[in-house]
Amino acid sequence: MFAAERRQLILEMVRANGAVSLRELARVVQTSEVTVRRDVRALEAEGLLDRRHGGAVLPGGFTRESGFPQKSHLSTAEKTAIADLAAGLVGEGEAIVVGAGTTTQELARRLARVPGLTVVTNSLLVAQALAHANRVEVVMTGGTLRGSNYALVGSGAEQSLQGLRVSRAFLSGSGLTAERGLSTSNMLSASVDRALVQAAAEVVVLADHTKLGSDTMFQTVPTELITRLVTDEPPVHDERAATELQALADQGVEITVAGPDAESSGGDSGQGHRPRRDMPLPGQRRTQPGGHSGLGPPQLRSAAALAEQGPGERARVADLRRR
């Protein structure tokens, strides 16, 4: 294929999907990522698209957010790897919150077999993935439906989260940097994500390597509130993603990386099925929101539970779920 033909095809793919990874572009045009990167630079110089870490987006991508149909076809193998690992963090009987996104949707599919789990979410896609899980209780927030990502947003969603306390929040976004943390392109989505963070003792961010180093308009989770990042192995040439990972670790974020050669666990809980690599932390772990140190499994806490500890804990957790 001639360079002009390759670049036309690349441009058509970006226009159709909003954003496409270099890996996917190379696969479709049947050439190396090095050649595709050169083509993307040439198209960017003509103002036809914008480069992002590991991919290309339509011009003005800093403020533009792709809809669900576009996002669902991006980095699918990476999202599967991330979801497999993240599911292994969830234990029996936990109560968690799961935000909107295609990666969190993949996580939800793997949580269906965790007995006694309670999932609070503003995502219709997450709820749908768990709808037939007999041992999982799903609690939906209120709010106004945002059709582009099938999420409930607005004051109704935020108010329904007030007074909630769970062990972990699982969130994804449009970009992640060590300097600014997790961000998204939509103000309403960012506001609900911040409310989800306030409800959790720990915050786990799910982001594939193409999000690393990208920054978008609205901050959702500052770096100091991120307990753990679950991501995939960046390509060898992607120095910026590797640098960003190290910078996040330097700020106390625990990094869990999916191995590049792992195979999907086939929709199971994800525990023990996918190679992982935890980056060592260069210093003492900071204390997390809700008073948890980040070492070992966090405990579910409500205001009442902080005052009462002991054998009645399980009953108080059940009472919190009923409320």
Foldseek 3Di string as FASTA:
>chain_A
DDLVVLLVVQLVLQVVQQKEFLVVSCVVVVHDSVSVVVSQVVCVVVVQWADFQRIIGGPPVQQDDAFPVNQLPYPVVFLLLLLLVVLQLDAAQFEEEEEFDNSSLSNLLANLPRANYEYEYQAPSSCVSNVPSPRYHYHYFAADADPRGRGHWDPRRLVSLPQAAGAEYEEEEQAAFLQFGGFHNDPRSLVNLLSSLLRHQAYEYEDELRRYPRHHDGGRDGLLQHAEYEYEDDPPPSVRSVVRVVSSLQSQYWYKYWYPPFDRPVSHSSPPRTDIDIDDRPDQHPQHPVRHRSPDGGDTDGPVVVVPDDPCRSVVSVVSVVD
